[in-house]
Amino acid sequence: MLTLDGSFGEGGGQILRSALALALVTGKPFRIEKIRANRKKPGLMRQHLTAVNAAAGIGAASVSGHAIGFLRREQ
């Protein structure tokens, strides 16, 4: 499984949308940590959750840890 740092670069939702598209094309799973961590409102927002749910439906994928405002922090 590929693990991505969601705070890298511009730290927005683009890394999520790109990862979703690539996962659909390749069939490879991924995990994003610290999604939007450097933003004023970190974590998933409604539009990100909608993209995750749509991609999961298209790809018949299982998803965990997806909720508005969710931000997985390293333990």
C-alpha atoms as a PDB file:
ATOM      1  CA  MET A   1       0.000   0.000   0.000  1.00  0.00           C
ATOM      2  CA  LEU A   2       1.258   3.452  -0.914  1.00  0.00           C
ATOM      3  CA  THR A   3       1.255   6.010   1.923  1.00  0.00           C
ATOM      4  CA  LEU A   4       1.052   9.690   0.973  1.00  0.00           C
ATOM      5  CA  ASP A   5       1.738  12.792   3.058  1.00  0.00           C
ATOM      6  CA  GLY A   6      -1.304  15.016   2.558  1.00  0.00           C
ATOM      7  CA  SER A   7       0.479  18.059   3.972  1.00  0.00           C
ATOM      8  CA  PHE A   8       3.148  17.997   1.246  1.00  0.00           C
ATOM      9  CA  GLY A   9       3.255  20.671  -1.449  1.00  0.00           C
ATOM     10  CA  GLU A  10       0.216  22.906  -1.588  1.00  0.00           C
ATOM     11  CA  GLY A  11      -1.338  20.724   1.113  1.00  0.00           C
ATOM     12  CA  GLY A  12      -4.848  20.833  -0.306  1.00  0.00           C
ATOM     13  CA  GLY A  13      -7.256  18.364  -1.808  1.00  0.00           C
ATOM     14  CA  GLN A  14      -5.433  17.960  -5.122  1.00  0.00           C
ATOM     15  CA  ILE A  15      -3.233  15.185  -3.753  1.00  0.00           C
ATOM     16  CA  LEU A  16      -6.400  13.314  -2.760  1.00  0.00           C
ATOM     17  CA  ARG A  17      -8.054  13.765  -6.157  1.00  0.00           C
ATOM     18  CA  SER A  18      -4.890  12.690  -7.975  1.00  0.00           C
ATOM     19  CA  ALA A  19      -4.427   9.662  -5.722  1.00  0.00           C
ATOM     20  CA  LEU A  20      -8.056   8.629  -6.262  1.00  0.00           C
ATOM     21  CA  ALA A  21      -7.695   8.852 -10.031  1.00  0.00           C
ATOM     22  CA  LEU A  22      -4.441   6.892 -10.047  1.00  0.00           C
ATOM     23  CA  ALA A  23      -5.877   4.231  -7.738  1.00  0.00           C
ATOM     24  CA  LEU A  24      -8.849   3.794 -10.089  1.00  0.00           C
ATOM     25  CA  VAL A  25      -6.556   3.400 -13.099  1.00  0.00           C
ATOM     26  CA  THR A  26      -3.952   1.136 -11.473  1.00  0.00           C
ATOM     27  CA  GLY A  27      -6.078  -0.716  -8.922  1.00  0.00           C
ATOM     28  CA  LYS A  28      -3.457  -0.022  -6.234  1.00  0.00           C
ATOM     29  CA  PRO A  29      -4.569   1.005  -2.731  1.00  0.00           C
ATOM     30  CA  PHE A  30      -3.282   4.099  -0.961  1.00  0.00           C
ATOM     31  CA  ARG A  31      -3.450   5.839   2.381  1.00  0.00           C
ATOM     32  CA  ILE A  32      -3.168   9.568   2.968  1.00  0.00           C
ATOM     33  CA  GLU A  33      -1.933  10.888   6.302  1.00  0.00           C
ATOM     34  CA  LYS A  34      -2.125  14.500   7.467  1.00  0.00           C
ATOM     35  CA  ILE A  35      -4.581  15.464   4.713  1.00  0.00           C
ATOM     36  CA  ARG A  36      -4.765  19.267   4.427  1.00  0.00           C
ATOM     37  CA  ALA A  37      -2.802  19.511   7.705  1.00  0.00           C
ATOM     38  CA  ASN A  38      -1.425  23.000   6.980  1.00  0.00           C
ATOM     39  CA  ARG A  39      -4.782  24.521   6.035  1.00  0.00           C
ATOM     40  CA  LYS A  40      -6.970  26.788   8.143  1.00  0.00           C
ATOM     41  CA  LYS A  41      -9.556  23.979   8.255  1.00  0.00           C
ATOM     42  CA  PRO A  42      -7.528  20.744   8.148  1.00  0.00           C
ATOM     43  CA  GLY A  43      -8.941  17.367   7.258  1.00  0.00           C
ATOM     44  CA  LEU A  44     -11.514  16.357   4.694  1.00  0.00           C
ATOM     45  CA  MET A  45     -14.136  18.824   3.580  1.00  0.00           C
ATOM     46  CA  ARG A  46     -17.460  17.935   1.968  1.00  0.00           C
ATOM     47  CA  GLN A  47     -16.141  18.073  -1.600  1.00  0.00           C
ATOM     48  CA  HIS A  48     -13.246  15.744  -0.719  1.00  0.00           C
ATOM     49  CA  LEU A  49     -15.571  13.243   0.927  1.00  0.00           C
ATOM     50  CA  THR A  50     -17.824  13.359  -2.133  1.00  0.00           C
ATOM     51  CA  ALA A  51     -14.835  12.577  -4.378  1.00  0.00           C
ATOM     52  CA  VAL A  52     -13.779   9.665  -2.133  1.00  0.00           C
ATOM     53  CA  ASN A  53     -17.277   8.183  -2.106  1.00  0.00           C
ATOM     54  CA  ALA A  54     -17.677   8.598  -5.875  1.00  0.00           C
ATOM     55  CA  ALA A  55     -14.333   6.945  -6.619  1.00  0.00           C
ATOM     56  CA  ALA A  56     -15.081   4.107  -4.203  1.00  0.00           C
ATOM     57  CA  GLY A  57     -18.401   3.505  -5.944  1.00  0.00           C
ATOM     58  CA  ILE A  58     -16.860   3.542  -9.416  1.00  0.00           C
ATOM     59  CA  GLY A  59     -13.984   1.268  -8.424  1.00  0.00           C
ATOM     60  CA  ALA A  60     -15.980  -0.997  -6.072  1.00  0.00           C
ATOM     61  CA  ALA A  61     -13.381  -0.134  -3.417  1.00  0.00           C
ATOM     62  CA  SER A  62     -13.526  -0.308   0.345  1.00  0.00           C
ATOM     63  CA  VAL A  63     -12.726   2.883   2.231  1.00  0.00           C
ATOM     64  CA  SER A  64     -12.036   3.530   5.905  1.00  0.00           C
ATOM     65  CA  GLY A  65     -11.395   6.620   7.981  1.00  0.00           C
ATOM     66  CA  HIS A  66     -13.329   8.955   5.722  1.00  0.00           C
ATOM     67  CA  ALA A  67     -15.398  11.648   7.395  1.00  0.00           C
ATOM     68  CA  ILE A  68     -15.704  15.422   7.167  1.00  0.00           C
ATOM     69  CA  GLY A  69     -12.973  17.025   9.221  1.00  0.00           C
ATOM     70  CA  PHE A  70     -11.098  13.770   9.635  1.00  0.00           C
ATOM     71  CA  LEU A  71      -7.372  14.230   9.925  1.00  0.00           C
ATOM     72  CA  ARG A  72      -5.312  11.125  10.683  1.00  0.00           C
ATOM     73  CA  ARG A  73      -2.431  12.143  12.906  1.00  0.00           C
ATOM     74  CA  GLU A  74       0.668  10.075  13.360  1.00  0.00           C
ATOM     75  CA  GLN A  75       0.768   8.417  16.758  1.00  0.00           C
END
